[in-house]
Amino acid sequence: MNAAISLSIALFLAALAVWGLLLAAAGRPPSRGYLIAVVVAEIELVLQAAVAGVLIVAGHDPDSLGEFLGYLVVTVALLPVALNRARHPQATRFDAAVVGVTAVAVGVATLRLLSLW
């Protein structure tokens, strides 16, 4: 895993969190642009997980493999769950808040992955 790429993903997730929470504070549901940005973040996370998987298969051994794999699954699986409800036609401002808070959690998990690597 590349530290610069992981940090840039974490910063992008922090920006998504702020955006989602601002939407919720304004009483607006998730916008199309916001949902597209969340999908871009998910693509980045899937690519990061794929690279980490290849490096593990190639012989790199993280400090705690089980913990690392757990965080890796969380980073890939959490955003789609939040996004599923947020893209619903009856989405509310609370859905924007849920995606924002989820982005915070995934950002923290991404930083934790970097520390375990």
PDB file of N, CA and C in Angstrom:
ATOM      1  N   MET A   1       0.835  -1.179   0.000  1.00  0.00           N
ATOM      2  CA  MET A   1       0.000   0.000   0.000  1.00  0.00           C
ATOM      3  C   MET A   1       0.878   1.239   0.000  1.00  0.00           C
ATOM      4  N   ASN A   2       0.465   2.208  -0.744  1.00  0.00           N
ATOM      5  CA  ASN A   2       1.194   3.451  -0.851  1.00  0.00           C
ATOM      6  C   ASN A   2       0.628   4.453   0.149  1.00  0.00           C
ATOM      7  N   ALA A   3       1.496   5.037   0.968  1.00  0.00           N
ATOM      8  CA  ALA A   3       1.044   5.962   2.004  1.00  0.00           C
ATOM      9  C   ALA A   3       0.382   7.200   1.409  1.00  0.00           C
ATOM     10  N   ALA A   4       0.941   7.737   0.349  1.00  0.00           N
ATOM     11  CA  ALA A   4       0.377   8.947  -0.254  1.00  0.00           C
ATOM     12  C   ALA A   4      -1.023   8.689  -0.813  1.00  0.00           C
ATOM     13  N   ILE A   5      -1.204   7.551  -1.445  1.00  0.00           N
ATOM     14  CA  ILE A   5      -2.515   7.217  -2.004  1.00  0.00           C
ATOM     15  C   ILE A   5      -3.523   6.980  -0.875  1.00  0.00           C
ATOM     16  N   SER A   6      -3.119   6.266   0.160  1.00  0.00           N
ATOM     17  CA  SER A   6      -4.023   6.016   1.289  1.00  0.00           C
ATOM     18  C   SER A   6      -4.422   7.323   1.972  1.00  0.00           C
ATOM     19  N   LEU A   7      -3.469   8.219   2.144  1.00  0.00           N
ATOM     20  CA  LEU A   7      -3.782   9.513   2.756  1.00  0.00           C
ATOM     21  C   LEU A   7      -4.699  10.346   1.873  1.00  0.00           C
ATOM     22  N   SER A   8      -4.486  10.290   0.563  1.00  0.00           N
ATOM     23  CA  SER A   8      -5.360  11.055  -0.333  1.00  0.00           C
ATOM     24  C   SER A   8      -6.786  10.490  -0.315  1.00  0.00           C
ATOM     25  N   ILE A   9      -6.919   9.176  -0.207  1.00  0.00           N
ATOM     26  CA  ILE A   9      -8.247   8.567  -0.091  1.00  0.00           C
ATOM     27  C   ILE A   9      -8.906   9.004   1.213  1.00  0.00           C
ATOM     28  N   ALA A  10      -8.144   9.007   2.303  1.00  0.00           N
ATOM     29  CA  ALA A  10      -8.692   9.423   3.596  1.00  0.00           C
ATOM     30  C   ALA A  10      -9.123  10.888   3.558  1.00  0.00           C
ATOM     31  N   LEU A  11      -8.353  11.749   2.901  1.00  0.00           N
ATOM     32  CA  LEU A  11      -8.728  13.163   2.775  1.00  0.00           C
ATOM     33  C   LEU A  11      -9.981  13.327   1.920  1.00  0.00           C
ATOM     34  N   PHE A  12     -10.082  12.548   0.850  1.00  0.00           N
ATOM     35  CA  PHE A  12     -11.274  12.599  -0.001  1.00  0.00           C
ATOM     36  C   PHE A  12     -12.500  12.153   0.796  1.00  0.00           C
ATOM     37  N   LEU A  13     -12.343  11.123   1.617  1.00  0.00           N
ATOM     38  CA  LEU A  13     -13.447  10.662   2.456  1.00  0.00           C
ATOM     39  C   LEU A  13     -13.820  11.720   3.496  1.00  0.00           C
ATOM     40  N   ALA A  14     -12.836  12.436   4.015  1.00  0.00           N
ATOM     41  CA  ALA A  14     -13.129  13.522   4.964  1.00  0.00           C
ATOM     42  C   ALA A  14     -13.933  14.625   4.273  1.00  0.00           C
ATOM     43  N   ALA A  15     -13.567  14.940   3.032  1.00  0.00           N
ATOM     44  CA  ALA A  15     -14.321  15.945   2.277  1.00  0.00           C
ATOM     45  C   ALA A  15     -15.745  15.469   2.016  1.00  0.00           C
ATOM     46  N   LEU A  16     -15.904  14.193   1.701  1.00  0.00           N
ATOM     47  CA  LEU A  16     -17.247  13.631   1.517  1.00  0.00           C
ATOM     48  C   LEU A  16     -18.059  13.701   2.809  1.00  0.00           C
ATOM     49  N   ALA A  17     -17.403  13.475   3.931  1.00  0.00           N
ATOM     50  CA  ALA A  17     -18.091  13.542   5.220  1.00  0.00           C
ATOM     51  C   ALA A  17     -18.602  14.956   5.477  1.00  0.00           C
ATOM     52  N   VAL A  18     -17.747  15.934   5.250  1.00  0.00           N
ATOM     53  CA  VAL A  18     -18.156  17.331   5.457  1.00  0.00           C
ATOM     54  C   VAL A  18     -19.294  17.685   4.509  1.00  0.00           C
ATOM     55  N   TRP A  19     -19.172  17.293   3.252  1.00  0.00           N
ATOM     56  CA  TRP A  19     -20.219  17.577   2.255  1.00  0.00           C
ATOM     57  C   TRP A  19     -21.551  16.963   2.677  1.00  0.00           C
ATOM     58  N   GLY A  20     -21.533  15.701   3.083  1.00  0.00           N
ATOM     59  CA  GLY A  20     -22.760  15.023   3.500  1.00  0.00           C
ATOM     60  C   GLY A  20     -23.378  15.664   4.731  1.00  0.00           C
ATOM     61  N   LEU A  21     -22.546  16.034   5.684  1.00  0.00           N
ATOM     62  CA  LEU A  21     -23.080  16.654   6.890  1.00  0.00           C
ATOM     63  C   LEU A  21     -23.604  18.064   6.614  1.00  0.00           C
ATOM     64  N   LEU A  22     -22.979  18.768   5.676  1.00  0.00           N
ATOM     65  CA  LEU A  22     -23.503  20.084   5.283  1.00  0.00           C
ATOM     66  C   LEU A  22     -24.842  19.947   4.566  1.00  0.00           C
ATOM     67  N   LEU A  23     -24.974  18.937   3.724  1.00  0.00           N
ATOM     68  CA  LEU A  23     -26.269  18.678   3.080  1.00  0.00           C
ATOM     69  C   LEU A  23     -27.339  18.402   4.132  1.00  0.00           C
ATOM     70  N   ALA A  24     -26.992  17.593   5.113  1.00  0.00           N
ATOM     71  CA  ALA A  24     -27.958  17.265   6.160  1.00  0.00           C
ATOM     72  C   ALA A  24     -28.321  18.505   6.974  1.00  0.00           C
ATOM     73  N   ALA A  25     -27.333  19.328   7.283  1.00  0.00           N
ATOM     74  CA  ALA A  25     -27.599  20.542   8.056  1.00  0.00           C
ATOM     75  C   ALA A  25     -28.482  21.513   7.277  1.00  0.00           C
ATOM     76  N   ALA A  26     -28.348  21.502   5.952  1.00  0.00           N
ATOM     77  CA  ALA A  26     -29.173  22.374   5.109  1.00  0.00           C
ATOM     78  C   ALA A  26     -30.553  21.770   4.864  1.00  0.00           C
ATOM     79  N   GLY A  27     -30.777  20.555   5.340  1.00  0.00           N
ATOM     80  CA  GLY A  27     -32.071  19.904   5.165  1.00  0.00           C
ATOM     81  C   GLY A  27     -32.298  19.345   3.780  1.00  0.00           C
ATOM     82  N   ARG A  28     -31.193  19.041   3.073  1.00  0.00           N
ATOM     83  CA  ARG A  28     -31.293  18.541   1.700  1.00  0.00           C
ATOM     84  C   ARG A  28     -30.889  17.071   1.625  1.00  0.00           C
ATOM     85  N   PRO A  29     -31.551  16.320   0.771  1.00  0.00           N
ATOM     86  CA  PRO A  29     -31.131  14.926   0.557  1.00  0.00           C
ATOM     87  C   PRO A  29     -29.844  14.894  -0.260  1.00  0.00           C
ATOM     88  N   PRO A  30     -29.213  13.741  -0.357  1.00  0.00           N
ATOM     89  CA  PRO A  30     -27.978  13.642  -1.145  1.00  0.00           C
ATOM     90  C   PRO A  30     -28.222  14.042  -2.600  1.00  0.00           C
ATOM     91  N   SER A  31     -27.363  14.881  -3.118  1.00  0.00           N
ATOM     92  CA  SER A  31     -27.487  15.315  -4.512  1.00  0.00           C
ATOM     93  C   SER A  31     -26.842  14.283  -5.431  1.00  0.00           C
ATOM     94  N   ARG A  32     -27.128  14.414  -6.704  1.00  0.00           N
ATOM     95  CA  ARG A  32     -26.547  13.497  -7.697  1.00  0.00           C
ATOM     96  C   ARG A  32     -25.027  13.607  -7.701  1.00  0.00           C
ATOM     97  N   GLY A  33     -24.513  14.819  -7.632  1.00  0.00           N
ATOM     98  CA  GLY A  33     -23.060  15.022  -7.606  1.00  0.00           C
ATOM     99  C   GLY A  33     -22.414  14.370  -6.396  1.00  0.00           C
ATOM    100  N   TYR A  34     -23.094  14.462  -5.265  1.00  0.00           N
ATOM    101  CA  TYR A  34     -22.581  13.846  -4.050  1.00  0.00           C
ATOM    102  C   TYR A  34     -22.538  12.329  -4.182  1.00  0.00           C
ATOM    103  N   LEU A  35     -23.593  11.759  -4.734  1.00  0.00           N
ATOM    104  CA  LEU A  35     -23.636  10.308  -4.908  1.00  0.00           C
ATOM    105  C   LEU A  35     -22.559   9.834  -5.876  1.00  0.00           C
ATOM    106  N   ILE A  36     -22.312  10.615  -6.922  1.00  0.00           N
ATOM    107  CA  ILE A  36     -21.244  10.265  -7.869  1.00  0.00           C
ATOM    108  C   ILE A  36     -19.893  10.296  -7.165  1.00  0.00           C
ATOM    109  N   ALA A  37     -19.677  11.290  -6.317  1.00  0.00           N
ATOM    110  CA  ALA A  37     -18.413  11.389  -5.576  1.00  0.00           C
ATOM    111  C   ALA A  37     -18.239  10.196  -4.629  1.00  0.00           C
ATOM    112  N   VAL A  38     -19.324   9.742  -4.038  1.00  0.00           N
ATOM    113  CA  VAL A  38     -19.253   8.568  -3.157  1.00  0.00           C
ATOM    114  C   VAL A  38     -18.901   7.320  -3.962  1.00  0.00           C
ATOM    115  N   VAL A  39     -19.439   7.200  -5.159  1.00  0.00           N
ATOM    116  CA  VAL A  39     -19.108   6.063  -6.022  1.00  0.00           C
ATOM    117  C   VAL A  39     -17.629   6.106  -6.407  1.00  0.00           C
ATOM    118  N   VAL A  40     -17.112   7.298  -6.693  1.00  0.00           N
ATOM    119  CA  VAL A  40     -15.683   7.446  -7.006  1.00  0.00           C
ATOM    120  C   VAL A  40     -14.837   7.002  -5.814  1.00  0.00           C
ATOM    121  N   ALA A  41     -15.248   7.380  -4.614  1.00  0.00           N
ATOM    122  CA  ALA A  41     -14.526   6.953  -3.412  1.00  0.00           C
ATOM    123  C   ALA A  41     -14.545   5.433  -3.282  1.00  0.00           C
ATOM    124  N   GLU A  42     -15.685   4.829  -3.568  1.00  0.00           N
ATOM    125  CA  GLU A  42     -15.782   3.369  -3.480  1.00  0.00           C
ATOM    126  C   GLU A  42     -14.866   2.696  -4.503  1.00  0.00           C
ATOM    127  N   ILE A  43     -14.795   3.249  -5.700  1.00  0.00           N
ATOM    128  CA  ILE A  43     -13.888   2.695  -6.713  1.00  0.00           C
ATOM    129  C   ILE A  43     -12.442   2.772  -6.227  1.00  0.00           C
ATOM    130  N   GLU A  44     -12.072   3.899  -5.631  1.00  0.00           N
ATOM    131  CA  GLU A  44     -10.717   4.043  -5.085  1.00  0.00           C
ATOM    132  C   GLU A  44     -10.453   2.994  -4.006  1.00  0.00           C
ATOM    133  N   LEU A  45     -11.437   2.771  -3.146  1.00  0.00           N
ATOM    134  CA  LEU A  45     -11.265   1.799  -2.067  1.00  0.00           C
ATOM    135  C   LEU A  45     -11.151   0.371  -2.592  1.00  0.00           C
ATOM    136  N   VAL A  46     -11.917   0.045  -3.626  1.00  0.00           N
ATOM    137  CA  VAL A  46     -11.830  -1.295  -4.222  1.00  0.00           C
ATOM    138  C   VAL A  46     -10.456  -1.492  -4.870  1.00  0.00           C
ATOM    139  N   LEU A  47      -9.968  -0.477  -5.561  1.00  0.00           N
ATOM    140  CA  LEU A  47      -8.635  -0.580  -6.167  1.00  0.00           C
ATOM    141  C   LEU A  47      -7.556  -0.732  -5.104  1.00  0.00           C
ATOM    142  N   GLN A  48      -7.675   0.020  -4.017  1.00  0.00           N
ATOM    143  CA  GLN A  48      -6.714  -0.094  -2.928  1.00  0.00           C
ATOM    144  C   GLN A  48      -6.753  -1.499  -2.324  1.00  0.00           C
ATOM    145  N   ALA A  49      -7.944  -2.053  -2.151  1.00  0.00           N
ATOM    146  CA  ALA A  49      -8.072  -3.405  -1.604  1.00  0.00           C
ATOM    147  C   ALA A  49      -7.468  -4.439  -2.558  1.00  0.00           C
ATOM    148  N   ALA A  50      -7.670  -4.240  -3.853  1.00  0.00           N
ATOM    149  CA  ALA A  50      -7.104  -5.168  -4.834  1.00  0.00           C
ATOM    150  C   ALA A  50      -5.577  -5.136  -4.790  1.00  0.00           C
ATOM    151  N   VAL A  51      -5.009  -3.951  -4.719  1.00  0.00           N
ATOM    152  CA  VAL A  51      -3.544  -3.829  -4.640  1.00  0.00           C
ATOM    153  C   VAL A  51      -3.040  -4.478  -3.356  1.00  0.00           C
ATOM    154  N   ALA A  52      -3.713  -4.221  -2.242  1.00  0.00           N
ATOM    155  CA  ALA A  52      -3.301  -4.833  -0.974  1.00  0.00           C
ATOM    156  C   ALA A  52      -3.386  -6.356  -1.054  1.00  0.00           C
ATOM    157  N   GLY A  53      -4.443  -6.865  -1.675  1.00  0.00           N
ATOM    158  CA  GLY A  53      -4.575  -8.311  -1.830  1.00  0.00           C
ATOM    159  C   GLY A  53      -3.460  -8.908  -2.652  1.00  0.00           C
ATOM    160  N   VAL A  54      -3.107  -8.246  -3.739  1.00  0.00           N
ATOM    161  CA  VAL A  54      -2.014  -8.732  -4.583  1.00  0.00           C
ATOM    162  C   VAL A  54      -0.697  -8.715  -3.817  1.00  0.00           C
ATOM    163  N   LEU A  55      -0.459  -7.653  -3.051  1.00  0.00           N
ATOM    164  CA  LEU A  55       0.791  -7.570  -2.287  1.00  0.00           C
ATOM    165  C   LEU A  55       0.857  -8.632  -1.185  1.00  0.00           C
ATOM    166  N   ILE A  56      -0.287  -8.933  -0.575  1.00  0.00           N
ATOM    167  CA  ILE A  56      -0.300  -9.983   0.451  1.00  0.00           C
ATOM    168  C   ILE A  56      -0.018 -11.338  -0.180  1.00  0.00           C
ATOM    169  N   VAL A  57      -0.635 -11.599  -1.326  1.00  0.00           N
ATOM    170  CA  VAL A  57      -0.384 -12.868  -2.030  1.00  0.00           C
ATOM    171  C   VAL A  57       1.070 -12.954  -2.478  1.00  0.00           C
ATOM    172  N   ALA A  58       1.667 -11.794  -2.819  1.00  0.00           N
ATOM    173  CA  ALA A  58       3.058 -11.771  -3.270  1.00  0.00           C
ATOM    174  C   ALA A  58       4.048 -11.959  -2.124  1.00  0.00           C
ATOM    175  N   GLY A  59       3.557 -11.927  -0.880  1.00  0.00           N
ATOM    176  CA  GLY A  59       4.463 -12.231   0.212  1.00  0.00           C
ATOM    177  C   GLY A  59       4.562 -11.189   1.300  1.00  0.00           C
ATOM    178  N   HIS A  60       3.964 -10.013   1.129  1.00  0.00           N
ATOM    179  CA  HIS A  60       4.011  -9.017   2.202  1.00  0.00           C
ATOM    180  C   HIS A  60       3.110  -9.462   3.336  1.00  0.00           C
ATOM    181  N   ASP A  61       3.607  -9.347   4.562  1.00  0.00           N
ATOM    182  CA  ASP A  61       2.847  -9.793   5.727  1.00  0.00           C
ATOM    183  C   ASP A  61       2.605  -8.610   6.657  1.00  0.00           C
ATOM    184  N   PRO A  62       1.365  -8.086   6.695  1.00  0.00           N
ATOM    185  CA  PRO A  62       1.067  -6.993   7.630  1.00  0.00           C
ATOM    186  C   PRO A  62       1.279  -7.447   9.077  1.00  0.00           C
ATOM    187  N   ASP A  63       1.391  -6.471   9.987  1.00  0.00           N
ATOM    188  CA  ASP A  63       1.635  -6.788  11.394  1.00  0.00           C
ATOM    189  C   ASP A  63       0.612  -7.769  11.952  1.00  0.00           C
ATOM    190  N   SER A  64      -0.652  -7.526  11.690  1.00  0.00           N
ATOM    191  CA  SER A  64      -1.724  -8.412  12.149  1.00  0.00           C
ATOM    192  C   SER A  64      -2.626  -8.691  10.952  1.00  0.00           C
ATOM    193  N   LEU A  65      -2.414  -9.811  10.307  1.00  0.00           N
ATOM    194  CA  LEU A  65      -3.112 -10.115   9.059  1.00  0.00           C
ATOM    195  C   LEU A  65      -4.623 -10.157   9.240  1.00  0.00           C
ATOM    196  N   GLY A  66      -5.095 -10.784  10.307  1.00  0.00           N
ATOM    197  CA  GLY A  66      -6.535 -10.872  10.533  1.00  0.00           C
ATOM    198  C   GLY A  66      -7.169  -9.504  10.725  1.00  0.00           C
ATOM    199  N   GLU A  67      -6.543  -8.671  11.525  1.00  0.00           N
ATOM    200  CA  GLU A  67      -7.050  -7.314  11.758  1.00  0.00           C
ATOM    201  C   GLU A  67      -7.003  -6.500  10.467  1.00  0.00           C
ATOM    202  N   PHE A  68      -5.909  -6.646   9.717  1.00  0.00           N
ATOM    203  CA  PHE A  68      -5.770  -5.933   8.453  1.00  0.00           C
ATOM    204  C   PHE A  68      -6.885  -6.322   7.489  1.00  0.00           C
ATOM    205  N   LEU A  69      -7.139  -7.619   7.355  1.00  0.00           N
ATOM    206  CA  LEU A  69      -8.192  -8.075   6.443  1.00  0.00           C
ATOM    207  C   LEU A  69      -9.571  -7.610   6.902  1.00  0.00           C
ATOM    208  N   GLY A  70      -9.782  -7.563   8.207  1.00  0.00           N
ATOM    209  CA  GLY A  70     -11.047  -7.059   8.731  1.00  0.00           C
ATOM    210  C   GLY A  70     -11.272  -5.601   8.350  1.00  0.00           C
ATOM    211  N   TYR A  71     -10.258  -4.780   8.543  1.00  0.00           N
ATOM    212  CA  TYR A  71     -10.369  -3.373   8.157  1.00  0.00           C
ATOM    213  C   TYR A  71     -10.521  -3.231   6.646  1.00  0.00           C
ATOM    214  N   LEU A  72      -9.857  -4.084   5.893  1.00  0.00           N
ATOM    215  CA  LEU A  72      -9.960  -4.041   4.438  1.00  0.00           C
ATOM    216  C   LEU A  72     -11.389  -4.322   3.981  1.00  0.00           C
ATOM    217  N   VAL A  73     -12.022  -5.304   4.602  1.00  0.00           N
ATOM    218  CA  VAL A  73     -13.421  -5.621   4.280  1.00  0.00           C
ATOM    219  C   VAL A  73     -14.324  -4.443   4.651  1.00  0.00           C
ATOM    220  N   VAL A  74     -14.092  -3.828   5.798  1.00  0.00           N
ATOM    221  CA  VAL A  74     -14.901  -2.684   6.232  1.00  0.00           C
ATOM    222  C   VAL A  74     -14.781  -1.536   5.248  1.00  0.00           C
ATOM    223  N   THR A  75     -13.563  -1.250   4.788  1.00  0.00           N
ATOM    224  CA  THR A  75     -13.390  -0.120   3.876  1.00  0.00           C
ATOM    225  C   THR A  75     -14.131  -0.327   2.564  1.00  0.00           C
ATOM    226  N   VAL A  76     -14.228  -1.561   2.126  1.00  0.00           N
ATOM    227  CA  VAL A  76     -14.894  -1.830   0.850  1.00  0.00           C
ATOM    228  C   VAL A  76     -16.401  -1.998   1.021  1.00  0.00           C
ATOM    229  N   ALA A  77     -16.848  -2.529   2.143  1.00  0.00           N
ATOM    230  CA  ALA A  77     -18.258  -2.910   2.282  1.00  0.00           C
ATOM    231  C   ALA A  77     -19.156  -1.836   2.892  1.00  0.00           C
ATOM    232  N   LEU A  78     -18.616  -0.886   3.629  1.00  0.00           N
ATOM    233  CA  LEU A  78     -19.461   0.038   4.376  1.00  0.00           C
ATOM    234  C   LEU A  78     -20.143   1.093   3.508  1.00  0.00           C
ATOM    235  N   LEU A  79     -19.409   1.708   2.604  1.00  0.00           N
ATOM    236  CA  LEU A  79     -20.007   2.774   1.775  1.00  0.00           C
ATOM    237  C   LEU A  79     -21.168   2.285   0.902  1.00  0.00           C
ATOM    238  N   PRO A  80     -21.080   1.120   0.267  1.00  0.00           N
ATOM    239  CA  PRO A  80     -22.231   0.676  -0.532  1.00  0.00           C
ATOM    240  C   PRO A  80     -23.503   0.491   0.288  1.00  0.00           C
ATOM    241  N   VAL A  81     -23.369   0.091   1.541  1.00  0.00           N
ATOM    242  CA  VAL A  81     -24.547  -0.074   2.386  1.00  0.00           C
ATOM    243  C   VAL A  81     -25.218   1.282   2.604  1.00  0.00           C
ATOM    244  N   ALA A  82     -24.426   2.302   2.929  1.00  0.00           N
ATOM    245  CA  ALA A  82     -24.980   3.645   3.129  1.00  0.00           C
ATOM    246  C   ALA A  82     -25.496   4.221   1.815  1.00  0.00           C
ATOM    247  N   LEU A  83     -24.804   3.946   0.743  1.00  0.00           N
ATOM    248  CA  LEU A  83     -25.180   4.481  -0.560  1.00  0.00           C
ATOM    249  C   LEU A  83     -26.487   3.878  -1.059  1.00  0.00           C
ATOM    250  N   ASN A  84     -26.767   2.653  -0.696  1.00  0.00           N
ATOM    251  CA  ASN A  84     -27.983   1.985  -1.147  1.00  0.00           C
ATOM    252  C   ASN A  84     -29.235   2.769  -0.756  1.00  0.00           C
ATOM    253  N   ARG A  85     -29.287   3.221   0.463  1.00  0.00           N
ATOM    254  CA  ARG A  85     -30.451   3.991   0.908  1.00  0.00           C
ATOM    255  C   ARG A  85     -30.399   5.433   0.382  1.00  0.00           C
ATOM    256  N   ALA A  86     -29.216   6.008   0.277  1.00  0.00           N
ATOM    257  CA  ALA A  86     -29.083   7.406  -0.126  1.00  0.00           C
ATOM    258  C   ALA A  86     -29.506   7.640  -1.571  1.00  0.00           C
ATOM    259  N   ARG A  87     -29.422   6.638  -2.408  1.00  0.00           N
ATOM    260  CA  ARG A  87     -29.799   6.823  -3.811  1.00  0.00           C
ATOM    261  C   ARG A  87     -31.277   6.547  -4.059  1.00  0.00           C
ATOM    262  N   HIS A  88     -32.003   6.195  -3.024  1.00  0.00           N
ATOM    263  CA  HIS A  88     -33.439   5.940  -3.124  1.00  0.00           C
ATOM    264  C   HIS A  88     -34.167   7.251  -3.424  1.00  0.00           C
ATOM    265  N   PRO A  89     -35.220   7.222  -4.247  1.00  0.00           N
ATOM    266  CA  PRO A  89     -35.946   8.463  -4.582  1.00  0.00           C
ATOM    267  C   PRO A  89     -36.510   9.206  -3.367  1.00  0.00           C
ATOM    268  N   GLN A  90     -36.839   8.495  -2.302  1.00  0.00           N
ATOM    269  CA  GLN A  90     -37.365   9.146  -1.112  1.00  0.00           C
ATOM    270  C   GLN A  90     -36.270   9.450  -0.085  1.00  0.00           C
ATOM    271  N   ALA A  91     -35.046   9.618  -0.529  1.00  0.00           N
ATOM    272  CA  ALA A  91     -33.939   9.906   0.385  1.00  0.00           C
ATOM    273  C   ALA A  91     -34.192  11.237   1.092  1.00  0.00           C
ATOM    274  N   THR A  92     -33.774  11.293   2.347  1.00  0.00           N
ATOM    275  CA  THR A  92     -33.957  12.493   3.144  1.00  0.00           C
ATOM    276  C   THR A  92     -32.599  13.055   3.553  1.00  0.00           C
ATOM    277  N   ARG A  93     -32.645  14.149   4.297  1.00  0.00           N
ATOM    278  CA  ARG A  93     -31.399  14.739   4.770  1.00  0.00           C
ATOM    279  C   ARG A  93     -30.655  13.785   5.702  1.00  0.00           C
ATOM    280  N   PHE A  94     -31.400  12.907   6.375  1.00  0.00           N
ATOM    281  CA  PHE A  94     -30.753  11.952   7.269  1.00  0.00           C
ATOM    282  C   PHE A  94     -29.912  10.944   6.491  1.00  0.00           C
ATOM    283  N   ASP A  95     -30.317  10.646   5.263  1.00  0.00           N
ATOM    284  CA  ASP A  95     -29.514   9.750   4.425  1.00  0.00           C
ATOM    285  C   ASP A  95     -28.184  10.404   4.057  1.00  0.00           C
ATOM    286  N   ALA A  96     -28.202  11.711   3.821  1.00  0.00           N
ATOM    287  CA  ALA A  96     -26.950  12.430   3.564  1.00  0.00           C
ATOM    288  C   ALA A  96     -26.057  12.378   4.798  1.00  0.00           C
ATOM    289  N   ALA A  97     -26.660  12.513   5.981  1.00  0.00           N
ATOM    290  CA  ALA A  97     -25.887  12.442   7.221  1.00  0.00           C
ATOM    291  C   ALA A  97     -25.309  11.046   7.433  1.00  0.00           C
ATOM    292  N   VAL A  98     -26.089  10.023   7.113  1.00  0.00           N
ATOM    293  CA  VAL A  98     -25.609   8.645   7.276  1.00  0.00           C
ATOM    294  C   VAL A  98     -24.400   8.392   6.368  1.00  0.00           C
ATOM    295  N   VAL A  99     -24.472   8.849   5.128  1.00  0.00           N
ATOM    296  CA  VAL A  99     -23.340   8.667   4.221  1.00  0.00           C
ATOM    297  C   VAL A  99     -22.136   9.468   4.723  1.00  0.00           C
ATOM    298  N   GLY A 100     -22.377  10.672   5.237  1.00  0.00           N
ATOM    299  CA  GLY A 100     -21.279  11.483   5.777  1.00  0.00           C
ATOM    300  C   GLY A 100     -20.595  10.814   6.955  1.00  0.00           C
ATOM    301  N   VAL A 101     -21.370  10.288   7.879  1.00  0.00           N
ATOM    302  CA  VAL A 101     -20.796   9.605   9.043  1.00  0.00           C
ATOM    303  C   VAL A 101     -20.096   8.319   8.614  1.00  0.00           C
ATOM    304  N   THR A 102     -20.666   7.624   7.644  1.00  0.00           N
ATOM    305  CA  THR A 102     -20.024   6.417   7.119  1.00  0.00           C
ATOM    306  C   THR A 102     -18.689   6.761   6.480  1.00  0.00           C
ATOM    307  N   ALA A 103     -18.621   7.889   5.779  1.00  0.00           N
ATOM    308  CA  ALA A 103     -17.355   8.320   5.175  1.00  0.00           C
ATOM    309  C   ALA A 103     -16.302   8.571   6.252  1.00  0.00           C
ATOM    310  N   VAL A 104     -16.707   9.106   7.396  1.00  0.00           N
ATOM    311  CA  VAL A 104     -15.767   9.294   8.510  1.00  0.00           C
ATOM    312  C   VAL A 104     -15.232   7.938   8.970  1.00  0.00           C
ATOM    313  N   ALA A 105     -16.131   6.980   9.162  1.00  0.00           N
ATOM    314  CA  ALA A 105     -15.723   5.653   9.635  1.00  0.00           C
ATOM    315  C   ALA A 105     -14.784   4.967   8.644  1.00  0.00           C
ATOM    316  N   VAL A 106     -15.099   5.069   7.366  1.00  0.00           N
ATOM    317  CA  VAL A 106     -14.253   4.437   6.347  1.00  0.00           C
ATOM    318  C   VAL A 106     -12.897   5.149   6.264  1.00  0.00           C
ATOM    319  N   GLY A 107     -12.894   6.464   6.425  1.00  0.00           N
ATOM    320  CA  GLY A 107     -11.627   7.201   6.436  1.00  0.00           C
ATOM    321  C   GLY A 107     -10.733   6.773   7.583  1.00  0.00           C
ATOM    322  N   VAL A 108     -11.316   6.593   8.758  1.00  0.00           N
ATOM    323  CA  VAL A 108     -10.549   6.122   9.916  1.00  0.00           C
ATOM    324  C   VAL A 108     -10.026   4.711   9.665  1.00  0.00           C
ATOM    325  N   ALA A 109     -10.863   3.859   9.087  1.00  0.00           N
ATOM    326  CA  ALA A 109     -10.427   2.488   8.786  1.00  0.00           C
ATOM    327  C   ALA A 109      -9.295   2.493   7.755  1.00  0.00           C
ATOM    328  N   THR A 110      -9.356   3.410   6.812  1.00  0.00           N
ATOM    329  CA  THR A 110      -8.282   3.516   5.808  1.00  0.00           C
ATOM    330  C   THR A 110      -6.966   3.917   6.479  1.00  0.00           C
ATOM    331  N   LEU A 111      -7.025   4.863   7.394  1.00  0.00           N
ATOM    332  CA  LEU A 111      -5.818   5.257   8.115  1.00  0.00           C
ATOM    333  C   LEU A 111      -5.298   4.113   8.984  1.00  0.00           C
ATOM    334  N   ARG A 112      -6.204   3.346   9.552  1.00  0.00           N
ATOM    335  CA  ARG A 112      -5.794   2.203  10.371  1.00  0.00           C
ATOM    336  C   ARG A 112      -5.121   1.130   9.498  1.00  0.00           C
ATOM    337  N   LEU A 113      -5.632   0.947   8.290  1.00  0.00           N
ATOM    338  CA  LEU A 113      -4.977   0.014   7.365  1.00  0.00           C
ATOM    339  C   LEU A 113      -3.532   0.432   7.124  1.00  0.00           C
ATOM    340  N   LEU A 114      -3.350   1.719   6.934  1.00  0.00           N
ATOM    341  CA  LEU A 114      -2.006   2.228   6.665  1.00  0.00           C
ATOM    342  C   LEU A 114      -1.085   1.973   7.856  1.00  0.00           C
ATOM    343  N   SER A 115      -1.602   2.129   9.068  1.00  0.00           N
ATOM    344  CA  SER A 115      -0.760   1.906  10.244  1.00  0.00           C
ATOM    345  C   SER A 115      -0.441   0.414  10.443  1.00  0.00           C
ATOM    346  N   LEU A 116      -1.324  -0.459   9.994  1.00  0.00           N
ATOM    347  CA  LEU A 116      -1.073  -1.896  10.117  1.00  0.00           C
ATOM    348  C   LEU A 116      -0.137  -2.417   9.024  1.00  0.00           C
ATOM    349  N   TRP A 117      -0.022  -1.703   7.937  1.00  0.00           N
ATOM    350  CA  TRP A 117       0.761  -2.183   6.809  1.00  0.00           C
ATOM    351  C   TRP A 117       2.213  -2.218   7.180  1.00  0.00           C
TER     352      TRP A 117
END
